[in-house]
Amino acid sequence: GHEFARHGDPVLKPGPFKSWDERVVADPYVIRV
């Protein structure tokens, strides 16, 4: 809970040309089901 290790490259990137999320992906909220 104090030292964090990054996992390199982004795990979720913006979408392709003219997609609804082409420029930004942000504000994640993750649940486990």
PDB file of all heavy atoms in Angstrom:
ATOM      1  N   GLY A   1       0.794  -1.222   0.000  1.00  0.00           N
ATOM      2  CA  GLY A   1       0.000   0.000   0.000  1.00  0.00           C
ATOM      3  C   GLY A   1       0.823   1.266   0.000  1.00  0.00           C
ATOM      4  O   GLY A   1       0.248   2.366   0.042  1.00  0.00           O
ATOM      5  N   HIS A   2       2.143   1.155  -0.100  1.00  0.00           N
ATOM      6  CA  HIS A   2       3.014   2.330  -0.073  1.00  0.00           C
ATOM      7  C   HIS A   2       3.919   2.403  -1.306  1.00  0.00           C
ATOM      8  O   HIS A   2       4.059   3.467  -1.912  1.00  0.00           O
ATOM      9  CB  HIS A   2       3.874   2.330   1.199  1.00  0.00           C
ATOM     10  CG  HIS A   2       3.082   2.325   2.463  1.00  0.00           C
ATOM     11  ND1 HIS A   2       2.362   3.409   2.908  1.00  0.00           N
ATOM     12  CD2 HIS A   2       2.875   1.332   3.374  1.00  0.00           C
ATOM     13  CE1 HIS A   2       1.756   3.113   4.041  1.00  0.00           C
ATOM     14  NE2 HIS A   2       2.048   1.858   4.350  1.00  0.00           N
ATOM     15  N   GLU A   3       4.516   1.294  -1.660  1.00  0.00           N
ATOM     16  CA  GLU A   3       5.379   1.232  -2.831  1.00  0.00           C
ATOM     17  C   GLU A   3       4.605   0.601  -3.979  1.00  0.00           C
ATOM     18  O   GLU A   3       4.087  -0.509  -3.845  1.00  0.00           O
ATOM     19  CB  GLU A   3       6.647   0.418  -2.541  1.00  0.00           C
ATOM     20  CG  GLU A   3       7.502   0.988  -1.426  1.00  0.00           C
ATOM     21  CD  GLU A   3       8.156   2.306  -1.823  1.00  0.00           C
ATOM     22  OE1 GLU A   3       8.402   2.501  -3.039  1.00  0.00           O
ATOM     23  OE2 GLU A   3       8.431   3.128  -0.928  1.00  0.00           O
ATOM     24  N   PHE A   4       4.526   1.324  -5.116  1.00  0.00           N
ATOM     25  CA  PHE A   4       3.775   0.843  -6.269  1.00  0.00           C
ATOM     26  C   PHE A   4       4.727   0.595  -7.436  1.00  0.00           C
ATOM     27  O   PHE A   4       5.611   1.411  -7.721  1.00  0.00           O
ATOM     28  CB  PHE A   4       2.710   1.854  -6.691  1.00  0.00           C
ATOM     29  CG  PHE A   4       1.475   1.828  -5.830  1.00  0.00           C
ATOM     30  CD1 PHE A   4       1.485   2.381  -4.550  1.00  0.00           C
ATOM     31  CD2 PHE A   4       0.305   1.238  -6.285  1.00  0.00           C
ATOM     32  CE1 PHE A   4       0.349   2.357  -3.758  1.00  0.00           C
ATOM     33  CE2 PHE A   4      -0.827   1.203  -5.499  1.00  0.00           C
ATOM     34  CZ  PHE A   4      -0.807   1.762  -4.232  1.00  0.00           C
ATOM     35  N   ALA A   5       4.521  -0.539  -8.121  1.00  0.00           N
ATOM     36  CA  ALA A   5       5.311  -0.887  -9.301  1.00  0.00           C
ATOM     37  C   ALA A   5       4.454  -0.705 -10.542  1.00  0.00           C
ATOM     38  O   ALA A   5       3.362  -1.276 -10.649  1.00  0.00           O
ATOM     39  CB  ALA A   5       5.801  -2.333  -9.212  1.00  0.00           C
ATOM     40  N   ARG A   6       4.922   0.127 -11.461  1.00  0.00           N
ATOM     41  CA  ARG A   6       4.218   0.322 -12.719  1.00  0.00           C
ATOM     42  C   ARG A   6       4.414  -0.889 -13.628  1.00  0.00           C
ATOM     43  O   ARG A   6       5.445  -1.553 -13.587  1.00  0.00           O
ATOM     44  CB  ARG A   6       4.718   1.574 -13.418  1.00  0.00           C
ATOM     45  CG  ARG A   6       4.324   2.893 -12.763  1.00  0.00           C
ATOM     46  CD  ARG A   6       5.110   4.029 -13.387  1.00  0.00           C
ATOM     47  NE  ARG A   6       4.568   5.332 -13.146  1.00  0.00           N
ATOM     48  CZ  ARG A   6       4.896   6.117 -12.121  1.00  0.00           C
ATOM     49  NH1 ARG A   6       5.754   5.681 -11.214  1.00  0.00           N
ATOM     50  NH2 ARG A   6       4.371   7.320 -11.988  1.00  0.00           N
ATOM     51  N   HIS A   7       3.431  -1.080 -14.495  1.00  0.00           N
ATOM     52  CA  HIS A   7       3.457  -2.204 -15.420  1.00  0.00           C
ATOM     53  C   HIS A   7       3.734  -1.752 -16.842  1.00  0.00           C
ATOM     54  O   HIS A   7       3.155  -2.269 -17.796  1.00  0.00           O
ATOM     55  CB  HIS A   7       2.137  -2.979 -15.337  1.00  0.00           C
ATOM     56  CG  HIS A   7       2.080  -3.879 -14.143  1.00  0.00           C
ATOM     57  ND1 HIS A   7       2.068  -5.247 -14.229  1.00  0.00           N
ATOM     58  CD2 HIS A   7       2.067  -3.598 -12.820  1.00  0.00           C
ATOM     59  CE1 HIS A   7       2.032  -5.784 -13.015  1.00  0.00           C
ATOM     60  NE2 HIS A   7       2.023  -4.785 -12.149  1.00  0.00           N
ATOM     61  N   GLY A   8       4.601  -0.779 -16.984  1.00  0.00           N
ATOM     62  CA  GLY A   8       5.079  -0.431 -18.324  1.00  0.00           C
ATOM     63  C   GLY A   8       4.080   0.342 -19.140  1.00  0.00           C
ATOM     64  O   GLY A   8       3.587   1.388 -18.717  1.00  0.00           O
ATOM     65  N   ASP A   9       3.766  -0.153 -20.327  1.00  0.00           N
ATOM     66  CA  ASP A   9       2.910   0.545 -21.280  1.00  0.00           C
ATOM     67  C   ASP A   9       1.467   0.641 -20.783  1.00  0.00           C
ATOM     68  O   ASP A   9       1.060  -0.091 -19.876  1.00  0.00           O
ATOM     69  CB  ASP A   9       2.920  -0.179 -22.626  1.00  0.00           C
ATOM     70  CG  ASP A   9       4.269  -0.114 -23.316  1.00  0.00           C
ATOM     71  OD1 ASP A   9       5.019   0.841 -23.032  1.00  0.00           O
ATOM     72  OD2 ASP A   9       4.567  -1.010 -24.120  1.00  0.00           O
ATOM     73  N   PRO A  10       0.660   1.523 -21.381  1.00  0.00           N
ATOM     74  CA  PRO A  10      -0.760   1.580 -21.012  1.00  0.00           C
ATOM     75  C   PRO A  10      -1.447   0.235 -21.219  1.00  0.00           C
ATOM     76  O   PRO A  10      -1.119  -0.510 -22.150  1.00  0.00           O
ATOM     77  CB  PRO A  10      -1.329   2.633 -21.977  1.00  0.00           C
ATOM     78  CG  PRO A  10      -0.161   3.434 -22.421  1.00  0.00           C
ATOM     79  CD  PRO A  10       1.005   2.507 -22.421  1.00  0.00           C
ATOM     80  N   VAL A  11      -2.416  -0.052 -20.357  1.00  0.00           N
ATOM     81  CA  VAL A  11      -3.207  -1.277 -20.530  1.00  0.00           C
ATOM     82  C   VAL A  11      -4.502  -1.005 -21.284  1.00  0.00           C
ATOM     83  O   VAL A  11      -5.131  -1.946 -21.788  1.00  0.00           O
ATOM     84  CB  VAL A  11      -3.503  -1.946 -19.168  1.00  0.00           C
ATOM     85  CG1 VAL A  11      -2.206  -2.347 -18.487  1.00  0.00           C
ATOM     86  CG2 VAL A  11      -4.339  -1.048 -18.255  1.00  0.00           C
ATOM     87  N   LEU A  12      -4.928   0.244 -21.361  1.00  0.00           N
ATOM     88  CA  LEU A  12      -6.083   0.618 -22.179  1.00  0.00           C
ATOM     89  C   LEU A  12      -5.761   1.931 -22.874  1.00  0.00           C
ATOM     90  O   LEU A  12      -5.431   2.922 -22.216  1.00  0.00           O
ATOM     91  CB  LEU A  12      -7.354   0.770 -21.339  1.00  0.00           C
ATOM     92  CG  LEU A  12      -8.654   0.796 -22.158  1.00  0.00           C
ATOM     93  CD1 LEU A  12      -9.020  -0.623 -22.610  1.00  0.00           C
ATOM     94  CD2 LEU A  12      -9.810   1.404 -21.377  1.00  0.00           C
ATOM     95  N   LYS A  13      -5.861   1.909 -24.200  1.00  0.00           N
ATOM     96  CA  LYS A  13      -5.511   3.074 -25.005  1.00  0.00           C
ATOM     97  C   LYS A  13      -6.753   3.620 -25.708  1.00  0.00           C
ATOM     98  O   LYS A  13      -7.770   2.934 -25.822  1.00  0.00           O
ATOM     99  CB  LYS A  13      -4.474   2.691 -26.055  1.00  0.00           C
ATOM    100  CG  LYS A  13      -3.159   2.203 -25.488  1.00  0.00           C
ATOM    101  CD  LYS A  13      -2.203   1.830 -26.615  1.00  0.00           C
ATOM    102  CE  LYS A  13      -0.876   1.319 -26.078  1.00  0.00           C
ATOM    103  NZ  LYS A  13       0.056   0.950 -27.183  1.00  0.00           N
ATOM    104  N   PRO A  14      -6.673   4.859 -26.201  1.00  0.00           N
ATOM    105  CA  PRO A  14      -7.782   5.389 -27.004  1.00  0.00           C
ATOM    106  C   PRO A  14      -8.063   4.507 -28.213  1.00  0.00           C
ATOM    107  O   PRO A  14      -7.218   3.708 -28.649  1.00  0.00           O
ATOM    108  CB  PRO A  14      -7.275   6.768 -27.415  1.00  0.00           C
ATOM    109  CG  PRO A  14      -6.316   7.155 -26.328  1.00  0.00           C
ATOM    110  CD  PRO A  14      -5.637   5.870 -25.944  1.00  0.00           C
ATOM    111  N   GLY A  15      -9.274   4.673 -28.751  1.00  0.00           N
ATOM    112  CA  GLY A  15      -9.715   3.851 -29.859  1.00  0.00           C
ATOM    113  C   GLY A  15      -9.207   4.337 -31.210  1.00  0.00           C
ATOM    114  O   GLY A  15      -8.443   5.311 -31.300  1.00  0.00           O
ATOM    115  N   PRO A  16      -9.656   3.706 -32.287  1.00  0.00           N
ATOM    116  CA  PRO A  16      -9.186   4.047 -33.630  1.00  0.00           C
ATOM    117  C   PRO A  16      -9.784   5.353 -34.146  1.00  0.00           C
ATOM    118  O   PRO A  16     -10.633   5.977 -33.499  1.00  0.00           O
ATOM    119  CB  PRO A  16      -9.646   2.857 -34.470  1.00  0.00           C
ATOM    120  CG  PRO A  16     -10.840   2.329 -33.742  1.00  0.00           C
ATOM    121  CD  PRO A  16     -10.551   2.539 -32.286  1.00  0.00           C
ATOM    122  N   PHE A  17      -9.356   5.738 -35.308  1.00  0.00           N
ATOM    123  CA  PHE A  17      -9.765   6.981 -35.972  1.00  0.00           C
ATOM    124  C   PHE A  17     -11.283   7.120 -36.020  1.00  0.00           C
ATOM    125  O   PHE A  17     -11.993   6.214 -36.425  1.00  0.00           O
ATOM    126  CB  PHE A  17      -9.182   6.989 -37.383  1.00  0.00           C
ATOM    127  CG  PHE A  17      -9.515   8.200 -38.195  1.00  0.00           C
ATOM    128  CD1 PHE A  17      -9.055   9.454 -37.835  1.00  0.00           C
ATOM    129  CD2 PHE A  17     -10.284   8.085 -39.352  1.00  0.00           C
ATOM    130  CE1 PHE A  17      -9.352  10.572 -38.592  1.00  0.00           C
ATOM    131  CE2 PHE A  17     -10.586   9.199 -40.124  1.00  0.00           C
ATOM    132  CZ  PHE A  17     -10.117  10.436 -39.744  1.00  0.00           C
ATOM    133  N   LYS A  18     -11.764   8.246 -35.538  1.00  0.00           N
ATOM    134  CA  LYS A  18     -13.184   8.611 -35.527  1.00  0.00           C
ATOM    135  C   LYS A  18     -14.041   7.739 -34.610  1.00  0.00           C
ATOM    136  O   LYS A  18     -15.269   7.742 -34.724  1.00  0.00           O
ATOM    137  CB  LYS A  18     -13.766   8.635 -36.942  1.00  0.00           C
ATOM    138  CG  LYS A  18     -13.248   9.805 -37.776  1.00  0.00           C
ATOM    139  CD  LYS A  18     -14.031   9.959 -39.072  1.00  0.00           C
ATOM    140  CE  LYS A  18     -13.564  11.203 -39.838  1.00  0.00           C
ATOM    141  NZ  LYS A  18     -14.315  11.392 -41.098  1.00  0.00           N
ATOM    142  N   SER A  19     -13.419   7.011 -33.698  1.00  0.00           N
ATOM    143  CA  SER A  19     -14.200   6.255 -32.724  1.00  0.00           C
ATOM    144  C   SER A  19     -14.659   7.174 -31.602  1.00  0.00           C
ATOM    145  O   SER A  19     -14.183   8.301 -31.448  1.00  0.00           O
ATOM    146  CB  SER A  19     -13.369   5.105 -32.146  1.00  0.00           C
ATOM    147  OG  SER A  19     -12.215   5.597 -31.483  1.00  0.00           O
ATOM    148  N   TRP A  20     -15.573   6.708 -30.793  1.00  0.00           N
ATOM    149  CA  TRP A  20     -16.144   7.519 -29.706  1.00  0.00           C
ATOM    150  C   TRP A  20     -15.103   7.834 -28.635  1.00  0.00           C
ATOM    151  O   TRP A  20     -15.247   8.802 -27.889  1.00  0.00           O
ATOM    152  CB  TRP A  20     -17.335   6.798 -29.078  1.00  0.00           C
ATOM    153  CG  TRP A  20     -16.921   5.638 -28.217  1.00  0.00           C
ATOM    154  CD1 TRP A  20     -16.623   4.368 -28.620  1.00  0.00           C
ATOM    155  CD2 TRP A  20     -16.733   5.660 -26.795  1.00  0.00           C
ATOM    156  NE1 TRP A  20     -16.255   3.606 -27.538  1.00  0.00           N
ATOM    157  CE2 TRP A  20     -16.327   4.367 -26.419  1.00  0.00           C
ATOM    158  CE3 TRP A  20     -16.873   6.641 -25.809  1.00  0.00           C
ATOM    159  CZ2 TRP A  20     -16.057   4.012 -25.099  1.00  0.00           C
ATOM    160  CZ3 TRP A  20     -16.602   6.300 -24.487  1.00  0.00           C
ATOM    161  CH2 TRP A  20     -16.205   4.998 -24.148  1.00  0.00           C
ATOM    162  N   ASP A  21     -14.035   7.023 -28.537  1.00  0.00           N
ATOM    163  CA  ASP A  21     -12.980   7.252 -27.545  1.00  0.00           C
ATOM    164  C   ASP A  21     -11.621   7.450 -28.220  1.00  0.00           C
ATOM    165  O   ASP A  21     -10.586   7.061 -27.674  1.00  0.00           O
ATOM    166  CB  ASP A  21     -12.928   6.110 -26.531  1.00  0.00           C
ATOM    167  CG  ASP A  21     -12.663   4.738 -27.167  1.00  0.00           C
ATOM    168  OD1 ASP A  21     -12.660   4.636 -28.416  1.00  0.00           O
ATOM    169  OD2 ASP A  21     -12.455   3.765 -26.408  1.00  0.00           O
ATOM    170  N   GLU A  22     -11.624   8.099 -29.375  1.00  0.00           N
ATOM    171  CA  GLU A  22     -10.405   8.262 -30.160  1.00  0.00           C
ATOM    172  C   GLU A  22      -9.334   9.081 -29.446  1.00  0.00           C
ATOM    173  O   GLU A  22      -8.137   8.805 -29.573  1.00  0.00           O
ATOM    174  CB  GLU A  22     -10.738   8.938 -31.496  1.00  0.00           C
ATOM    175  CG  GLU A  22      -9.513   9.238 -32.347  1.00  0.00           C
ATOM    176  CD  GLU A  22      -9.815  10.119 -33.544  1.00  0.00           C
ATOM    177  OE1 GLU A  22     -10.995  10.486 -33.724  1.00  0.00           O
ATOM    178  OE2 GLU A  22      -8.877  10.458 -34.281  1.00  0.00           O
ATOM    179  N   ARG A  23      -9.720  10.111 -28.713  1.00  0.00           N
ATOM    180  CA  ARG A  23      -8.745  11.056 -28.163  1.00  0.00           C
ATOM    181  C   ARG A  23      -8.330  10.746 -26.723  1.00  0.00           C
ATOM    182  O   ARG A  23      -7.191  10.997 -26.338  1.00  0.00           O
ATOM    183  CB  ARG A  23      -9.304  12.476 -28.254  1.00  0.00           C
ATOM    184  CG  ARG A  23      -9.482  12.966 -29.687  1.00  0.00           C
ATOM    185  CD  ARG A  23      -8.145  13.044 -30.403  1.00  0.00           C
ATOM    186  NE  ARG A  23      -8.258  13.341 -31.821  1.00  0.00           N
ATOM    187  CZ  ARG A  23      -8.320  14.555 -32.344  1.00  0.00           C
ATOM    188  NH1 ARG A  23      -8.339  15.613 -31.548  1.00  0.00           N
ATOM    189  NH2 ARG A  23      -8.386  14.717 -33.641  1.00  0.00           N
ATOM    190  N   VAL A  24      -9.247  10.243 -25.915  1.00  0.00           N
ATOM    191  CA  VAL A  24      -8.980  10.059 -24.482  1.00  0.00           C
ATOM    192  C   VAL A  24      -9.707   8.823 -23.973  1.00  0.00           C
ATOM    193  O   VAL A  24     -10.868   8.595 -24.334  1.00  0.00           O
ATOM    194  CB  VAL A  24      -9.460  11.285 -23.663  1.00  0.00           C
ATOM    195  CG1 VAL A  24      -9.388  11.013 -22.160  1.00  0.00           C
ATOM    196  CG2 VAL A  24      -8.652  12.533 -24.006  1.00  0.00           C
ATOM    197  N   VAL A  25      -9.025   8.040 -23.143  1.00  0.00           N
ATOM    198  CA  VAL A  25      -9.701   7.105 -22.235  1.00  0.00           C
ATOM    199  C   VAL A  25      -9.241   7.478 -20.828  1.00  0.00           C
ATOM    200  O   VAL A  25      -8.054   7.731 -20.596  1.00  0.00           O
ATOM    201  CB  VAL A  25      -9.411   5.628 -22.558  1.00  0.00           C
ATOM    202  CG1 VAL A  25     -10.065   5.230 -23.865  1.00  0.00           C
ATOM    203  CG2 VAL A  25      -7.918   5.326 -22.603  1.00  0.00           C
ATOM    204  N   ALA A  26     -10.181   7.521 -19.870  1.00  0.00           N
ATOM    205  CA  ALA A  26      -9.849   8.048 -18.542  1.00  0.00           C
ATOM    206  C   ALA A  26     -10.879   7.574 -17.522  1.00  0.00           C
ATOM    207  O   ALA A  26     -11.825   6.855 -17.849  1.00  0.00           O
ATOM    208  CB  ALA A  26      -9.804   9.580 -18.583  1.00  0.00           C
ATOM    209  N   ASP A  27     -10.679   7.998 -16.280  1.00  0.00           N
ATOM    210  CA  ASP A  27     -11.626   7.768 -15.182  1.00  0.00           C
ATOM    211  C   ASP A  27     -12.072   6.311 -15.069  1.00  0.00           C
ATOM    212  O   ASP A  27     -13.270   6.014 -15.051  1.00  0.00           O
ATOM    213  CB  ASP A  27     -12.855   8.667 -15.341  1.00  0.00           C
ATOM    214  CG  ASP A  27     -12.515  10.140 -15.285  1.00  0.00           C
ATOM    215  OD1 ASP A  27     -11.434  10.476 -14.778  1.00  0.00           O
ATOM    216  OD2 ASP A  27     -13.332  10.958 -15.752  1.00  0.00           O
ATOM    217  N   PRO A  28     -11.128   5.364 -14.972  1.00  0.00           N
ATOM    218  CA  PRO A  28     -11.542   3.960 -14.876  1.00  0.00           C
ATOM    219  C   PRO A  28     -12.222   3.645 -13.548  1.00  0.00           C
ATOM    220  O   PRO A  28     -11.913   4.240 -12.507  1.00  0.00           O
ATOM    221  CB  PRO A  28     -10.212   3.210 -14.991  1.00  0.00           C
ATOM    222  CG  PRO A  28      -9.203   4.165 -14.424  1.00  0.00           C
ATOM    223  CD  PRO A  28      -9.669   5.532 -14.871  1.00  0.00           C
ATOM    224  N   TYR A  29     -13.144   2.691 -13.588  1.00  0.00           N
ATOM    225  CA  TYR A  29     -13.747   2.128 -12.379  1.00  0.00           C
ATOM    226  C   TYR A  29     -13.837   0.628 -12.622  1.00  0.00           C
ATOM    227  O   TYR A  29     -14.502   0.184 -13.566  1.00  0.00           O
ATOM    228  CB  TYR A  29     -15.135   2.715 -12.128  1.00  0.00           C
ATOM    229  CG  TYR A  29     -15.663   2.428 -10.742  1.00  0.00           C
ATOM    230  CD1 TYR A  29     -15.404   3.287  -9.688  1.00  0.00           C
ATOM    231  CD2 TYR A  29     -16.404   1.280 -10.473  1.00  0.00           C
ATOM    232  CE1 TYR A  29     -15.875   3.027  -8.410  1.00  0.00           C
ATOM    233  CE2 TYR A  29     -16.887   1.009  -9.209  1.00  0.00           C
ATOM    234  CZ  TYR A  29     -16.617   1.881  -8.171  1.00  0.00           C
ATOM    235  OH  TYR A  29     -17.085   1.624  -6.908  1.00  0.00           O
ATOM    236  N   VAL A  30     -13.145  -0.173 -11.810  1.00  0.00           N
ATOM    237  CA  VAL A  30     -12.982  -1.594 -12.081  1.00  0.00           C
ATOM    238  C   VAL A  30     -13.673  -2.408 -10.999  1.00  0.00           C
ATOM    239  O   VAL A  30     -13.494  -2.165  -9.796  1.00  0.00           O
ATOM    240  CB  VAL A  30     -11.495  -1.970 -12.170  1.00  0.00           C
ATOM    241  CG1 VAL A  30     -11.336  -3.467 -12.452  1.00  0.00           C
ATOM    242  CG2 VAL A  30     -10.793  -1.158 -13.259  1.00  0.00           C
ATOM    243  N   ILE A  31     -14.457  -3.407 -11.430  1.00  0.00           N
ATOM    244  CA  ILE A  31     -15.082  -4.355 -10.526  1.00  0.00           C
ATOM    245  C   ILE A  31     -14.703  -5.764 -10.963  1.00  0.00           C
ATOM    246  O   ILE A  31     -14.332  -5.983 -12.125  1.00  0.00           O
ATOM    247  CB  ILE A  31     -16.625  -4.200 -10.480  1.00  0.00           C
ATOM    248  CG1 ILE A  31     -17.246  -4.460 -11.860  1.00  0.00           C
ATOM    249  CG2 ILE A  31     -17.011  -2.824  -9.965  1.00  0.00           C
ATOM    250  CD1 ILE A  31     -18.782  -4.467 -11.844  1.00  0.00           C
ATOM    251  N   ARG A  32     -14.797  -6.699 -10.045  1.00  0.00           N
ATOM    252  CA  ARG A  32     -14.532  -8.109 -10.348  1.00  0.00           C
ATOM    253  C   ARG A  32     -15.842  -8.863 -10.217  1.00  0.00           C
ATOM    254  O   ARG A  32     -16.505  -8.819  -9.176  1.00  0.00           O
ATOM    255  CB  ARG A  32     -13.490  -8.665  -9.371  1.00  0.00           C
ATOM    256  CG  ARG A  32     -13.115 -10.127  -9.605  1.00  0.00           C
ATOM    257  CD  ARG A  32     -12.237 -10.274 -10.831  1.00  0.00           C
ATOM    258  NE  ARG A  32     -11.890 -11.658 -11.084  1.00  0.00           N
ATOM    259  CZ  ARG A  32     -10.790 -12.255 -10.630  1.00  0.00           C
ATOM    260  NH1 ARG A  32      -9.947 -11.560  -9.857  1.00  0.00           N
ATOM    261  NH2 ARG A  32     -10.533 -13.499 -10.929  1.00  0.00           N
ATOM    262  N   VAL A  33     -16.235  -9.597 -11.279  1.00  0.00           N
ATOM    263  CA  VAL A  33     -17.426 -10.435 -11.254  1.00  0.00           C
ATOM    264  C   VAL A  33     -17.026 -11.782 -11.846  1.00  0.00           C
ATOM    265  O   VAL A  33     -16.712 -11.873 -13.037  1.00  0.00           O
ATOM    266  CB  VAL A  33     -18.593  -9.826 -12.060  1.00  0.00           C
ATOM    267  CG1 VAL A  33     -19.837 -10.711 -11.932  1.00  0.00           C
ATOM    268  CG2 VAL A  33     -18.900  -8.408 -11.586  1.00  0.00           C
TER     269      VAL A  33
END
